[in-house]
N, C-alpha and C. Protein backbone atom coordinates (compact mmCIF):
# COMPACT_ATOMS: atom_id res chain seq x y z
N MET A 1 116.30 76.47 51.66
CA MET A 1 115.42 77.02 50.63
C MET A 1 114.57 78.12 51.24
N PRO A 2 114.52 79.30 50.62
CA PRO A 2 113.71 80.39 51.18
C PRO A 2 112.23 80.07 51.10
N MET A 3 111.49 80.61 52.03
CA MET A 3 110.04 80.44 52.02
C MET A 3 109.46 81.22 50.84
N VAL A 4 108.43 80.66 50.23
CA VAL A 4 107.72 81.35 49.16
C VAL A 4 106.68 82.26 49.81
N PRO A 5 106.72 83.55 49.51
CA PRO A 5 105.69 84.44 50.06
C PRO A 5 104.30 84.03 49.59
N GLN A 6 103.33 84.13 50.48
CA GLN A 6 101.95 83.81 50.17
C GLN A 6 101.16 85.11 50.01
N VAL A 7 100.36 85.19 48.96
CA VAL A 7 99.49 86.34 48.74
C VAL A 7 98.07 85.79 48.66
N THR A 8 97.19 86.30 49.52
CA THR A 8 95.80 85.85 49.46
C THR A 8 95.09 86.55 48.31
N ALA A 9 93.96 86.03 47.92
CA ALA A 9 93.17 86.66 46.86
C ALA A 9 92.83 88.09 47.25
N ALA A 10 92.49 88.30 48.52
CA ALA A 10 92.13 89.64 48.99
C ALA A 10 93.33 90.60 48.91
N GLN A 11 94.55 90.08 49.03
CA GLN A 11 95.76 90.91 48.98
C GLN A 11 96.30 91.08 47.57
N PHE A 12 95.73 90.35 46.60
CA PHE A 12 96.33 90.30 45.28
C PHE A 12 96.41 91.67 44.62
N ALA A 13 95.34 92.45 44.63
CA ALA A 13 95.36 93.76 43.94
C ALA A 13 96.44 94.66 44.53
N GLN A 14 96.59 94.63 45.85
CA GLN A 14 97.63 95.44 46.49
C GLN A 14 99.01 94.96 46.06
N TRP A 15 99.21 93.63 46.03
CA TRP A 15 100.49 93.07 45.58
C TRP A 15 100.75 93.48 44.12
N ARG A 16 99.74 93.31 43.26
CA ARG A 16 99.87 93.66 41.83
C ARG A 16 100.27 95.12 41.68
N ASP A 17 99.58 96.02 42.37
CA ASP A 17 99.85 97.45 42.25
C ASP A 17 101.23 97.82 42.78
N ALA A 18 101.72 97.08 43.77
CA ALA A 18 103.03 97.36 44.36
C ALA A 18 104.17 96.99 43.42
N GLN A 19 103.89 96.24 42.36
CA GLN A 19 104.93 95.80 41.43
C GLN A 19 105.27 96.86 40.38
N ALA A 20 104.45 97.90 40.28
CA ALA A 20 104.66 98.93 39.25
C ALA A 20 106.07 99.50 39.36
N PRO A 21 106.69 99.80 38.23
CA PRO A 21 106.13 99.80 36.88
C PRO A 21 106.21 98.44 36.19
N ARG A 22 106.77 97.44 36.83
CA ARG A 22 106.86 96.12 36.19
C ARG A 22 105.47 95.46 36.20
N GLN A 23 105.05 94.93 35.04
CA GLN A 23 103.76 94.25 35.00
C GLN A 23 103.94 92.82 35.50
N PRO A 24 103.20 92.44 36.54
CA PRO A 24 103.34 91.07 37.04
C PRO A 24 102.76 90.04 36.07
N LEU A 25 103.26 88.85 36.23
CA LEU A 25 102.81 87.70 35.45
C LEU A 25 102.10 86.75 36.41
N VAL A 26 100.87 86.38 36.09
CA VAL A 26 100.18 85.32 36.83
C VAL A 26 100.35 84.05 36.02
N LEU A 27 100.97 83.07 36.66
CA LEU A 27 101.26 81.79 36.02
C LEU A 27 100.27 80.76 36.53
N ASP A 28 99.32 80.39 35.69
CA ASP A 28 98.30 79.39 36.04
C ASP A 28 98.87 78.03 35.67
N VAL A 29 99.09 77.17 36.67
CA VAL A 29 99.75 75.89 36.44
C VAL A 29 98.78 74.72 36.40
N ARG A 30 97.49 75.03 36.25
CA ARG A 30 96.48 73.96 36.20
C ARG A 30 96.45 73.30 34.83
N GLU A 31 95.74 72.19 34.76
CA GLU A 31 95.58 71.44 33.52
C GLU A 31 94.61 72.19 32.59
N PRO A 32 94.72 71.96 31.27
CA PRO A 32 93.86 72.68 30.32
C PRO A 32 92.37 72.57 30.64
N TRP A 33 91.89 71.38 31.05
CA TRP A 33 90.45 71.25 31.34
C TRP A 33 90.05 72.12 32.52
N GLU A 34 90.96 72.30 33.47
CA GLU A 34 90.65 73.15 34.63
C GLU A 34 90.54 74.61 34.22
N VAL A 35 91.44 75.03 33.34
CA VAL A 35 91.43 76.42 32.87
C VAL A 35 90.16 76.69 32.07
N GLN A 36 89.70 75.70 31.30
CA GLN A 36 88.45 75.85 30.55
C GLN A 36 87.27 75.97 31.51
N THR A 37 87.34 75.29 32.65
CA THR A 37 86.25 75.32 33.63
C THR A 37 86.19 76.67 34.33
N ALA A 38 87.34 77.20 34.70
CA ALA A 38 87.38 78.46 35.47
C ALA A 38 88.71 79.13 35.23
N SER A 39 88.67 80.44 34.96
CA SER A 39 89.90 81.19 34.77
C SER A 39 89.73 82.61 35.25
N VAL A 40 90.85 83.21 35.65
CA VAL A 40 90.83 84.62 36.04
C VAL A 40 90.94 85.47 34.78
N ARG A 41 90.42 86.69 34.86
CA ARG A 41 90.55 87.64 33.76
C ARG A 41 91.73 88.55 34.06
N PRO A 42 92.66 88.68 33.12
CA PRO A 42 93.80 89.57 33.36
C PRO A 42 93.34 91.01 33.60
N ASP A 43 93.80 91.58 34.68
CA ASP A 43 93.48 92.96 35.04
C ASP A 43 94.72 93.57 35.68
N GLY A 44 95.53 94.24 34.84
CA GLY A 44 96.77 94.82 35.35
C GLY A 44 97.89 93.81 35.48
N PHE A 45 97.69 92.63 34.92
CA PHE A 45 98.73 91.60 34.93
C PHE A 45 98.58 90.78 33.65
N GLU A 46 99.68 90.09 33.30
CA GLU A 46 99.64 89.16 32.18
C GLU A 46 99.33 87.78 32.74
N LEU A 47 98.48 87.04 32.04
CA LEU A 47 98.15 85.67 32.44
C LEU A 47 98.79 84.70 31.46
N ARG A 48 99.53 83.74 31.99
CA ARG A 48 100.08 82.65 31.17
C ARG A 48 99.64 81.34 31.79
N VAL A 49 99.26 80.41 30.93
CA VAL A 49 98.82 79.10 31.38
C VAL A 49 99.85 78.07 30.90
N ILE A 50 100.52 77.45 31.86
CA ILE A 50 101.47 76.36 31.57
C ILE A 50 101.23 75.30 32.63
N ALA A 51 100.74 74.13 32.23
CA ALA A 51 100.46 73.07 33.19
C ALA A 51 101.72 72.73 33.99
N MET A 52 101.52 72.38 35.25
CA MET A 52 102.64 72.13 36.17
C MET A 52 103.70 71.20 35.56
N GLY A 53 103.27 70.12 34.93
CA GLY A 53 104.22 69.16 34.38
C GLY A 53 105.04 69.70 33.22
N GLU A 54 104.59 70.81 32.63
CA GLU A 54 105.30 71.40 31.49
C GLU A 54 106.30 72.49 31.90
N ILE A 55 106.22 72.94 33.15
CA ILE A 55 107.05 74.06 33.60
C ILE A 55 108.53 73.85 33.33
N PRO A 56 109.11 72.69 33.68
CA PRO A 56 110.55 72.53 33.44
C PRO A 56 110.94 72.70 31.97
N TYR A 57 110.02 72.37 31.06
CA TYR A 57 110.31 72.44 29.63
C TYR A 57 110.02 73.82 29.05
N GLN A 58 109.31 74.65 29.80
CA GLN A 58 108.90 75.97 29.31
C GLN A 58 109.57 77.12 30.06
N LEU A 59 110.59 76.83 30.85
CA LEU A 59 111.24 77.88 31.66
C LEU A 59 111.69 79.07 30.82
N ALA A 60 112.14 78.82 29.62
CA ALA A 60 112.65 79.92 28.78
C ALA A 60 111.56 80.95 28.47
N GLN A 61 110.30 80.56 28.59
CA GLN A 61 109.19 81.49 28.33
C GLN A 61 108.92 82.42 29.52
N LEU A 62 109.49 82.11 30.66
CA LEU A 62 109.18 82.88 31.88
C LEU A 62 110.27 83.90 32.17
N PRO A 63 109.91 85.17 32.25
CA PRO A 63 110.91 86.22 32.48
C PRO A 63 111.40 86.23 33.92
N LYS A 64 112.71 86.40 34.09
CA LYS A 64 113.26 86.49 35.44
C LYS A 64 113.22 87.91 35.99
N ASP A 65 112.91 88.88 35.11
CA ASP A 65 112.94 90.28 35.54
C ASP A 65 111.56 90.84 35.86
N ARG A 66 110.58 89.96 35.99
CA ARG A 66 109.23 90.40 36.35
C ARG A 66 108.72 89.56 37.51
N PRO A 67 107.86 90.13 38.35
CA PRO A 67 107.27 89.35 39.44
C PRO A 67 106.30 88.31 38.89
N ILE A 68 106.31 87.13 39.50
CA ILE A 68 105.44 86.03 39.07
C ILE A 68 104.62 85.57 40.26
N ALA A 69 103.31 85.48 40.05
CA ALA A 69 102.40 84.90 41.05
C ALA A 69 101.89 83.59 40.48
N CYS A 70 102.12 82.51 41.19
CA CYS A 70 101.70 81.18 40.74
C CYS A 70 100.29 80.88 41.26
N LEU A 71 99.49 80.26 40.40
CA LEU A 71 98.08 80.01 40.68
C LEU A 71 97.71 78.58 40.27
N CYS A 72 96.93 77.90 41.12
CA CYS A 72 96.35 76.60 40.75
C CYS A 72 94.94 76.54 41.32
N HIS A 73 94.45 75.34 41.60
CA HIS A 73 93.08 75.19 42.10
C HIS A 73 92.96 75.62 43.56
N HIS A 74 93.78 75.04 44.43
CA HIS A 74 93.71 75.37 45.86
C HIS A 74 95.03 75.90 46.44
N GLY A 75 96.08 75.99 45.62
CA GLY A 75 97.32 76.60 46.07
C GLY A 75 98.46 75.65 46.37
N MET A 76 98.25 74.35 46.22
CA MET A 76 99.33 73.42 46.54
C MET A 76 100.27 73.18 45.35
N ARG A 77 99.73 72.94 44.17
CA ARG A 77 100.59 72.77 42.99
C ARG A 77 101.36 74.05 42.71
N SER A 78 100.67 75.18 42.83
CA SER A 78 101.34 76.45 42.56
C SER A 78 102.46 76.71 43.56
N LEU A 79 102.29 76.28 44.80
CA LEU A 79 103.36 76.43 45.79
C LEU A 79 104.58 75.61 45.38
N GLN A 80 104.35 74.39 44.88
CA GLN A 80 105.47 73.56 44.41
C GLN A 80 106.17 74.23 43.22
N VAL A 81 105.39 74.79 42.31
CA VAL A 81 105.98 75.46 41.15
C VAL A 81 106.76 76.70 41.61
N ALA A 82 106.21 77.45 42.56
CA ALA A 82 106.91 78.64 43.06
C ALA A 82 108.25 78.25 43.68
N HIS A 83 108.29 77.17 44.46
CA HIS A 83 109.56 76.68 45.03
C HIS A 83 110.53 76.32 43.90
N PHE A 84 110.03 75.62 42.89
CA PHE A 84 110.87 75.22 41.76
C PHE A 84 111.45 76.45 41.07
N LEU A 85 110.60 77.45 40.83
CA LEU A 85 111.10 78.67 40.16
C LEU A 85 112.17 79.35 41.00
N GLN A 86 111.97 79.41 42.32
CA GLN A 86 113.01 79.99 43.19
C GLN A 86 114.33 79.23 43.01
N GLN A 87 114.24 77.90 42.98
CA GLN A 87 115.44 77.08 42.83
C GLN A 87 116.12 77.33 41.48
N GLN A 88 115.35 77.76 40.48
CA GLN A 88 115.89 78.02 39.16
C GLN A 88 116.37 79.47 39.01
N GLY A 89 116.37 80.22 40.10
CA GLY A 89 116.92 81.57 40.07
C GLY A 89 115.93 82.68 39.81
N TYR A 90 114.64 82.39 39.90
CA TYR A 90 113.62 83.45 39.76
C TYR A 90 113.52 84.18 41.10
N PRO A 91 113.84 85.48 41.11
CA PRO A 91 113.99 86.18 42.39
C PRO A 91 112.68 86.70 43.00
N ASP A 92 111.63 86.80 42.21
CA ASP A 92 110.44 87.51 42.67
C ASP A 92 109.20 86.67 42.38
N VAL A 93 108.98 85.63 43.21
CA VAL A 93 107.90 84.67 43.01
C VAL A 93 107.05 84.61 44.27
N VAL A 94 105.73 84.64 44.07
CA VAL A 94 104.79 84.45 45.18
C VAL A 94 103.80 83.35 44.80
N ASN A 95 103.12 82.83 45.81
CA ASN A 95 102.07 81.84 45.60
C ASN A 95 100.73 82.48 45.93
N LEU A 96 99.74 82.29 45.05
CA LEU A 96 98.39 82.77 45.35
C LEU A 96 97.71 81.74 46.24
N GLN A 97 97.69 82.06 47.51
CA GLN A 97 97.20 81.15 48.54
C GLN A 97 95.71 80.85 48.32
N GLY A 98 95.36 79.58 48.35
CA GLY A 98 93.97 79.19 48.18
C GLY A 98 93.56 79.04 46.73
N GLY A 99 94.43 79.44 45.80
CA GLY A 99 94.20 79.24 44.38
C GLY A 99 92.98 79.93 43.83
N ILE A 100 92.54 79.40 42.69
CA ILE A 100 91.42 80.02 42.00
C ILE A 100 90.13 79.84 42.79
N ASP A 101 90.07 78.83 43.65
CA ASP A 101 88.88 78.65 44.49
C ASP A 101 88.73 79.83 45.44
N ALA A 102 89.81 80.25 46.07
CA ALA A 102 89.77 81.41 46.97
C ALA A 102 89.49 82.68 46.17
N TRP A 103 90.03 82.76 44.95
CA TRP A 103 89.80 83.91 44.08
C TRP A 103 88.28 84.06 43.84
N SER A 104 87.63 82.94 43.54
CA SER A 104 86.19 82.95 43.27
C SER A 104 85.41 83.39 44.52
N VAL A 105 85.78 82.85 45.66
CA VAL A 105 85.07 83.16 46.91
C VAL A 105 85.31 84.61 47.33
N SER A 106 86.56 85.07 47.25
CA SER A 106 86.92 86.39 47.79
C SER A 106 86.77 87.54 46.82
N LEU A 107 87.08 87.31 45.53
CA LEU A 107 87.19 88.42 44.59
C LEU A 107 86.16 88.44 43.48
N ASP A 108 85.91 87.29 42.89
CA ASP A 108 85.09 87.27 41.67
C ASP A 108 84.18 86.05 41.66
N PRO A 109 82.96 86.20 42.17
CA PRO A 109 82.02 85.06 42.19
C PRO A 109 81.65 84.58 40.78
N GLY A 110 82.01 85.38 39.75
CA GLY A 110 81.77 84.96 38.39
C GLY A 110 82.72 83.85 37.93
N VAL A 111 83.80 83.63 38.69
CA VAL A 111 84.72 82.53 38.39
C VAL A 111 84.12 81.25 38.96
N ALA A 112 83.90 80.28 38.08
CA ALA A 112 83.25 79.04 38.50
C ALA A 112 84.09 78.32 39.55
N ARG A 113 83.38 77.67 40.48
CA ARG A 113 84.05 76.80 41.46
C ARG A 113 83.87 75.36 41.02
N TYR A 114 84.89 74.56 41.22
CA TYR A 114 84.82 73.15 40.85
C TYR A 114 85.55 72.31 41.86
């Protein structure tokens, strides 16, 4: 199984911009209560929220022709989802290392930490 590339919060804007002209998709795999507590604001990317347990049932909603960055709280669930997507034939998947917690610390202190 190929390694899932890791993108830190600090590297995210550079990764996002490098995907042009394709608009990247950020896939937030946290539970609904977590997303209500803290969420990223889409900026040059599309945000979709599908809880980790729902991913196998929602695969048809995820485009294979666009880059996908998986996001969770600290980066472990999203890494599992990124591996799963690779196994399902998604060619351009990365994991947002450190999750939304790192995003809050590194990029946007307005994102609540929990």
